[in-house]
N, C-alpha and C. Protein backbone atom coordinates (compact mmCIF):
# COMPACT_ATOMS: atom_id res chain seq x y z
N UNK A 1 12.87 5.86 52.11
CA UNK A 1 13.29 4.95 51.16
C UNK A 1 12.07 4.65 50.75
N UNK A 2 10.84 4.47 52.05
CA UNK A 2 9.98 3.57 50.98
C UNK A 2 9.05 4.28 50.56
N UNK A 3 8.89 6.14 50.87
CA UNK A 3 8.10 6.62 50.29
C UNK A 3 8.80 7.16 48.69
N UNK A 4 10.29 7.18 48.59
CA UNK A 4 10.47 7.12 47.26
C UNK A 4 9.84 6.13 46.14
N UNK A 5 10.26 4.89 47.01
CA UNK A 5 9.98 3.83 46.01
C UNK A 5 8.23 4.29 45.63
N UNK A 6 7.42 4.55 46.57
CA UNK A 6 6.09 4.14 45.88
C UNK A 6 5.50 5.76 45.21
N UNK A 7 6.68 6.45 45.35
CA UNK A 7 6.44 7.67 44.22
C UNK A 7 7.20 6.72 42.76
N UNK A 8 8.17 6.27 42.76
CA UNK A 8 8.73 5.75 41.61
C UNK A 8 8.30 4.83 41.06
N UNK A 9 7.21 3.47 41.76
CA UNK A 9 6.50 2.52 40.84
C UNK A 9 6.09 3.00 39.98
N UNK A 10 4.87 4.38 40.08
CA UNK A 10 3.92 4.21 39.11
C UNK A 10 4.56 4.87 37.64
N UNK A 11 5.86 5.28 38.03
CA UNK A 11 6.80 5.72 36.69
C UNK A 11 7.07 4.48 36.03
N UNK A 12 7.38 3.77 36.84
CA UNK A 12 8.40 2.57 36.33
C UNK A 12 7.29 2.14 35.52
N UNK A 13 5.86 1.58 36.24
CA UNK A 13 4.78 0.57 35.48
C UNK A 13 4.98 1.65 34.64
N UNK A 14 4.49 2.79 34.35
CA UNK A 14 4.14 3.51 33.64
C UNK A 14 4.96 3.35 31.73
N UNK A 15 6.54 3.47 32.40
CA UNK A 15 7.67 3.41 31.68
C UNK A 15 7.74 1.98 31.00
N UNK A 16 7.50 1.10 31.56
CA UNK A 16 7.64 -0.30 31.22
C UNK A 16 6.08 -0.80 30.33
N UNK A 17 4.98 -0.14 30.47
CA UNK A 17 3.75 -0.49 29.68
C UNK A 17 3.79 0.39 28.29
N UNK A 18 4.68 1.76 28.41
CA UNK A 18 4.95 2.47 27.28
C UNK A 18 6.11 1.72 26.48
N UNK A 19 6.93 1.23 26.89
CA UNK A 19 8.08 0.56 26.17
C UNK A 19 7.36 -0.80 25.63
N UNK A 20 6.53 -1.72 25.98
CA UNK A 20 5.98 -2.53 25.35
C UNK A 20 4.94 -2.46 24.43
N UNK A 21 4.65 -1.08 24.49
CA UNK A 21 3.34 -0.62 23.17
C UNK A 21 4.02 -0.22 21.86
N UNK A 22 5.24 0.69 22.26
CA UNK A 22 6.16 0.71 21.42
C UNK A 22 6.54 -0.38 20.52
N UNK A 23 6.89 -1.54 21.40
CA UNK A 23 7.88 -2.68 21.01
C UNK A 23 6.43 -3.26 20.19
N UNK A 24 5.28 -3.56 20.56
CA UNK A 24 4.38 -4.21 19.86
C UNK A 24 3.84 -3.44 18.56
N UNK A 25 3.72 -2.23 18.54
CA UNK A 25 2.74 -1.08 17.42
C UNK A 25 3.63 -1.60 16.33
N UNK A 26 5.03 -1.53 16.30
CA UNK A 26 5.51 -1.44 14.89
C UNK A 26 5.29 -2.89 14.19
N UNK A 27 5.51 -3.98 14.86
CA UNK A 27 5.36 -5.66 14.22
C UNK A 27 3.67 -5.49 13.80
N UNK A 28 3.00 -4.67 14.41
CA UNK A 28 0.97 -4.93 14.03
C UNK A 28 1.02 -4.09 12.98
N UNK A 29 1.84 -2.86 12.72
CA UNK A 29 1.65 -1.89 11.96
C UNK A 29 2.23 -2.59 10.68
N UNK A 30 3.31 -2.98 10.71
CA UNK A 30 3.55 -3.88 9.57
C UNK A 30 2.96 -5.12 9.14
N UNK A 31 2.28 -5.75 9.84
CA UNK A 31 1.86 -6.72 9.51
C UNK A 31 0.45 -6.36 8.60
N UNK A 32 -0.35 -5.11 8.86
CA UNK A 32 -1.40 -4.58 8.62
C UNK A 32 -1.05 -3.73 7.03
N UNK A 33 0.51 -2.90 7.13
CA UNK A 33 0.72 -2.53 5.89
C UNK A 33 1.03 -3.81 4.55
N UNK A 34 1.61 -4.90 5.48
CA UNK A 34 1.94 -5.71 4.20
C UNK A 34 0.56 -6.60 3.65
N UNK A 35 -0.49 -7.13 4.51
CA UNK A 35 -1.86 -7.01 4.16
C UNK A 35 -2.65 -5.94 3.26
N UNK A 36 -2.63 -4.80 3.79
CA UNK A 36 -2.83 -3.54 2.54
C UNK A 36 -2.34 -3.34 1.29
N UNK A 37 -0.93 -4.02 1.32
CA UNK A 37 -0.25 -4.50 0.34
C UNK A 37 -0.84 -5.45 -0.73
N UNK A 38 -0.95 -6.31 0.09
CA UNK A 38 -1.25 -7.73 -0.89
C UNK A 38 -2.59 -7.46 -1.41
N UNK A 39 -3.40 -6.62 -0.96
CA UNK A 39 -4.92 -6.45 -1.43
C UNK A 39 -4.69 -5.03 -2.32
N UNK A 40 -3.91 -4.24 -2.15
CA UNK A 40 -3.82 -3.51 -3.40
C UNK A 40 -3.25 -4.15 -4.49
N UNK A 41 -2.37 -4.80 -4.56
CA UNK A 41 -1.69 -5.83 -5.58
C UNK A 41 -2.96 -6.80 -5.93
N UNK A 42 -3.70 -7.34 -5.59
CA UNK A 42 -4.79 -7.78 -6.18
C UNK A 42 -6.00 -6.97 -6.64
N UNK A 43 -6.44 -5.96 -6.56
CA UNK A 43 -7.26 -5.20 -6.97
C UNK A 43 -6.80 -4.61 -7.90
N UNK A 44 -5.31 -4.12 -8.26
CA UNK A 44 -4.65 -3.79 -9.42
C UNK A 44 -4.62 -4.78 -10.43
N UNK A 45 -4.43 -6.01 -9.94
CA UNK A 45 -4.54 -7.21 -11.05
C UNK A 45 -5.68 -7.35 -11.62
N UNK A 46 -6.94 -7.38 -10.88
CA UNK A 46 -8.22 -7.72 -11.04
C UNK A 46 -8.41 -6.66 -11.91
N UNK A 47 -8.34 -5.16 -11.61
CA UNK A 47 -8.26 -4.07 -12.69
C UNK A 47 -8.11 -3.85 -13.81
N UNK A 48 -6.68 -4.43 -14.34
CA UNK A 48 -6.18 -4.55 -15.24
C UNK A 48 -6.15 -5.86 -16.35
N UNK A 49 -6.96 -6.83 -15.42
CA UNK A 49 -8.00 -8.02 -15.84
C UNK A 49 -8.79 -7.47 -16.58
N UNK A 50 -9.97 -6.99 -15.95
CA UNK A 50 -11.39 -6.25 -16.62
C UNK A 50 -10.77 -5.55 -18.00
N UNK A 51 -10.23 -4.80 -18.13
CA UNK A 51 -9.51 -3.60 -18.68
C UNK A 51 -9.22 -4.49 -19.96
N UNK A 52 -8.33 -5.27 -19.99
CA UNK A 52 -8.19 -6.55 -21.22
C UNK A 52 -8.86 -7.22 -21.08
N UNK A 53 -10.12 -7.87 -20.54
CA UNK A 53 -11.02 -8.43 -20.97
C UNK A 53 -12.27 -8.12 -21.78
N UNK A 54 -12.29 -6.41 -21.59
CA UNK A 54 -13.25 -5.45 -22.29
C UNK A 54 -13.22 -5.94 -23.75
N UNK A 55 -14.13 -5.67 -24.76
CA UNK A 55 -14.00 -6.00 -25.73
C UNK A 55 -13.75 -4.99 -26.81
N UNK A 56 -14.00 -3.86 -26.00
CA UNK A 56 -13.54 -2.58 -26.85
C UNK A 56 -12.15 -1.73 -26.53
N UNK A 57 -11.95 -2.13 -25.16
CA UNK A 57 -10.65 -1.71 -24.47
C UNK A 57 -9.66 -2.50 -24.83
N UNK A 58 -9.73 -3.61 -24.46
CA UNK A 58 -8.92 -4.60 -24.46
C UNK A 58 -7.74 -5.10 -25.40
N UNK A 59 -7.78 -5.14 -26.79
CA UNK A 59 -7.04 -4.83 -27.92
C UNK A 59 -6.20 -3.97 -27.98
N UNK A 60 -6.81 -2.75 -28.03
CA UNK A 60 -5.90 -1.37 -27.91
C UNK A 60 -5.23 -1.68 -26.99
N UNK A 61 -5.41 -1.97 -25.63
CA UNK A 61 -4.23 -1.68 -24.18
C UNK A 61 -3.43 -3.05 -24.86
N UNK A 62 -3.77 -4.11 -24.87
CA UNK A 62 -2.97 -5.14 -25.05
C UNK A 62 -2.01 -4.71 -25.78
N UNK A 63 -2.28 -4.14 -26.89
CA UNK A 63 -1.12 -3.65 -27.83
C UNK A 63 -0.16 -2.27 -27.26
N UNK A 64 -0.81 -1.72 -26.52
CA UNK A 64 -0.04 -0.67 -25.76
C UNK A 64 0.52 -1.59 -24.68
N UNK A 65 0.53 -2.56 -23.92
CA UNK A 65 1.37 -3.33 -22.88
C UNK A 65 2.07 -3.62 -23.47
N UNK A 66 2.03 -4.61 -24.84
CA UNK A 66 3.72 -4.92 -25.55
C UNK A 66 4.65 -4.00 -25.52
N UNK A 67 4.17 -2.72 -25.79
CA UNK A 67 5.33 -1.86 -26.50
C UNK A 67 5.55 -0.92 -24.77
N UNK A 68 5.29 -1.14 -23.70
CA UNK A 68 4.87 -0.35 -22.67
C UNK A 68 6.21 -0.72 -21.74
N UNK A 69 7.12 0.10 -20.86
CA UNK A 69 8.00 0.08 -20.18
C UNK A 69 7.58 -0.29 -18.83
N UNK A 70 6.67 0.74 -18.64
CA UNK A 70 5.82 0.33 -17.27
C UNK A 70 4.34 0.61 -16.95
N UNK A 71 3.80 0.51 -15.87
CA UNK A 71 2.24 0.48 -15.97
C UNK A 71 2.29 0.88 -14.78
N UNK A 72 1.45 1.94 -14.42
CA UNK A 72 0.86 2.33 -13.36
C UNK A 72 -0.71 2.05 -13.37
N UNK A 73 -0.84 1.16 -12.39
CA UNK A 73 -2.10 0.93 -12.17
C UNK A 73 -3.17 1.40 -10.62
N UNK A 74 -4.19 2.01 -10.73
CA UNK A 74 -4.78 2.72 -9.89
C UNK A 74 -6.27 2.43 -9.83
N UNK A 75 -6.41 1.29 -9.16
CA UNK A 75 -7.80 0.21 -9.07
C UNK A 75 -8.80 1.28 -8.41
N UNK A 76 -8.79 2.05 -7.36
CA UNK A 76 -9.85 3.28 -6.87
C UNK A 76 -9.38 4.55 -6.89
N UNK A 77 -9.78 5.12 -7.69
CA UNK A 77 -9.22 6.98 -7.62
C UNK A 77 -10.62 7.06 -6.88
N UNK A 78 -10.13 8.25 -6.14
CA UNK A 78 -11.44 8.74 -5.31
C UNK A 78 -11.36 10.82 -5.64
N UNK A 79 -12.45 11.29 -5.85
CA UNK A 79 -12.49 12.56 -6.50
C UNK A 79 -13.32 13.08 -5.52
N UNK A 80 -13.08 14.53 -5.09
CA UNK A 80 -14.10 15.13 -4.29
C UNK A 80 -13.87 16.72 -4.88
N UNK A 81 -15.29 17.26 -4.74
CA UNK A 81 -14.99 19.03 -4.93
C UNK A 81 -15.80 19.81 -4.19
N UNK A 82 -15.55 20.56 -3.35
CA UNK A 82 -16.47 21.51 -2.95
C UNK A 82 -15.74 22.95 -2.60
N UNK A 83 -15.60 23.91 -3.55
CA UNK A 83 -15.29 25.27 -4.11
C UNK A 83 -13.36 24.65 -4.27
N UNK A 84 -12.81 23.88 -3.70
CA UNK A 84 -11.25 23.13 -4.16
C UNK A 84 -11.53 21.52 -4.56
N UNK A 85 -11.17 21.58 -5.84
CA UNK A 85 -11.34 20.18 -6.10
C UNK A 85 -9.90 18.87 -5.43
N UNK A 86 -10.40 17.97 -5.13
CA UNK A 86 -9.08 17.46 -4.78
C UNK A 86 -9.69 15.57 -5.41
N UNK A 87 -8.18 14.63 -5.21
CA UNK A 87 -8.46 13.52 -6.05
C UNK A 87 -7.42 12.77 -5.18
N UNK A 88 -7.39 11.60 -5.15
CA UNK A 88 -6.73 10.54 -4.37
C UNK A 88 -7.18 9.39 -4.82
N UNK A 89 -5.99 8.16 -4.26
CA UNK A 89 -6.01 7.02 -4.28
C UNK A 89 -5.13 5.90 -4.13
N UNK A 90 -5.06 5.03 -4.23
CA UNK A 90 -3.98 4.10 -3.77
C UNK A 90 -3.21 3.15 -5.65
N UNK A 91 -2.28 3.11 -5.83
CA UNK A 91 -2.05 1.98 -6.55
C UNK A 91 -0.58 1.90 -6.71
N UNK A 92 -0.51 0.74 -7.82
CA UNK A 92 1.17 0.31 -7.80
C UNK A 92 1.53 0.03 -9.45
N UNK A 93 3.15 0.02 -9.31
CA UNK A 93 3.45 0.07 -10.47
C UNK A 93 4.15 -1.06 -10.83
N UNK A 94 4.15 -1.37 -11.73
CA UNK A 94 5.19 -2.42 -12.41
C UNK A 94 5.93 -2.24 -13.72
N UNK A 95 7.14 -2.64 -14.00
CA UNK A 95 7.99 -2.17 -14.53
C UNK A 95 8.19 -3.58 -15.43
N UNK A 96 8.56 -3.09 -17.00
CA UNK A 96 8.89 -4.32 -17.71
C UNK A 96 10.40 -3.93 -18.00
N UNK A 97 11.14 -4.98 -17.60
CA UNK A 97 12.29 -5.24 -18.01
C UNK A 97 13.02 -5.82 -19.20
N UNK A 98 13.42 -4.61 -19.81
CA UNK A 98 13.77 -5.13 -21.77
C UNK A 98 15.07 -6.34 -21.64
N UNK A 99 15.90 -6.40 -20.72
CA UNK A 99 16.49 -7.41 -20.51
C UNK A 99 16.32 -8.76 -20.57
N UNK A 100 15.26 -8.88 -19.35
CA UNK A 100 15.13 -10.37 -19.08
C UNK A 100 13.38 -10.26 -19.71
N UNK A 101 12.89 -9.32 -20.23
CA UNK A 101 11.90 -9.63 -20.64
C UNK A 101 10.78 -9.82 -19.95
N UNK A 102 10.87 -9.56 -18.60
CA UNK A 102 9.30 -9.73 -17.35
C UNK A 102 8.98 -8.54 -17.10
N UNK A 103 8.11 -8.74 -16.20
CA UNK A 103 7.55 -7.80 -15.57
C UNK A 103 7.80 -7.70 -14.18
N UNK A 104 8.43 -6.65 -13.51
CA UNK A 104 8.93 -6.41 -12.34
C UNK A 104 8.28 -5.82 -11.17
N UNK A 105 7.95 -5.95 -10.10
CA UNK A 105 7.40 -4.86 -8.95
C UNK A 105 6.30 -5.64 -8.29
N UNK A 106 5.64 -5.33 -7.84
CA UNK A 106 5.04 -3.94 -7.88
C UNK A 106 5.93 -3.17 -7.15
N UNK A 107 5.61 -1.82 -7.37
CA UNK A 107 6.56 -0.51 -6.47
C UNK A 107 4.79 0.37 -5.80
N UNK A 108 4.84 1.00 -4.66
CA UNK A 108 4.09 1.33 -4.36
C UNK A 108 4.60 3.42 -4.38
């Protein structure tokens, strides 16, 4: 009986460590995701603010925003090409609700 316990003890310890890691990982990942989302929203806000403050682009953009039902803001778009082109980035979508006349969102 003592020999079987010695064989099972490393497995039991490994299983306990695996369960602890699995239990800890989602909460840590969720905290990172929430922080990333907050940073993305802040970057999107600053990007929109910079565009609306521009002397040439600001007035036409403000007119468009008054009529818009939604705005998709990509603060940073990455592009690359070597034989094949690719682009990507992260953005936030805000929607203008006609009934409340308020901007809602963001959605990712």
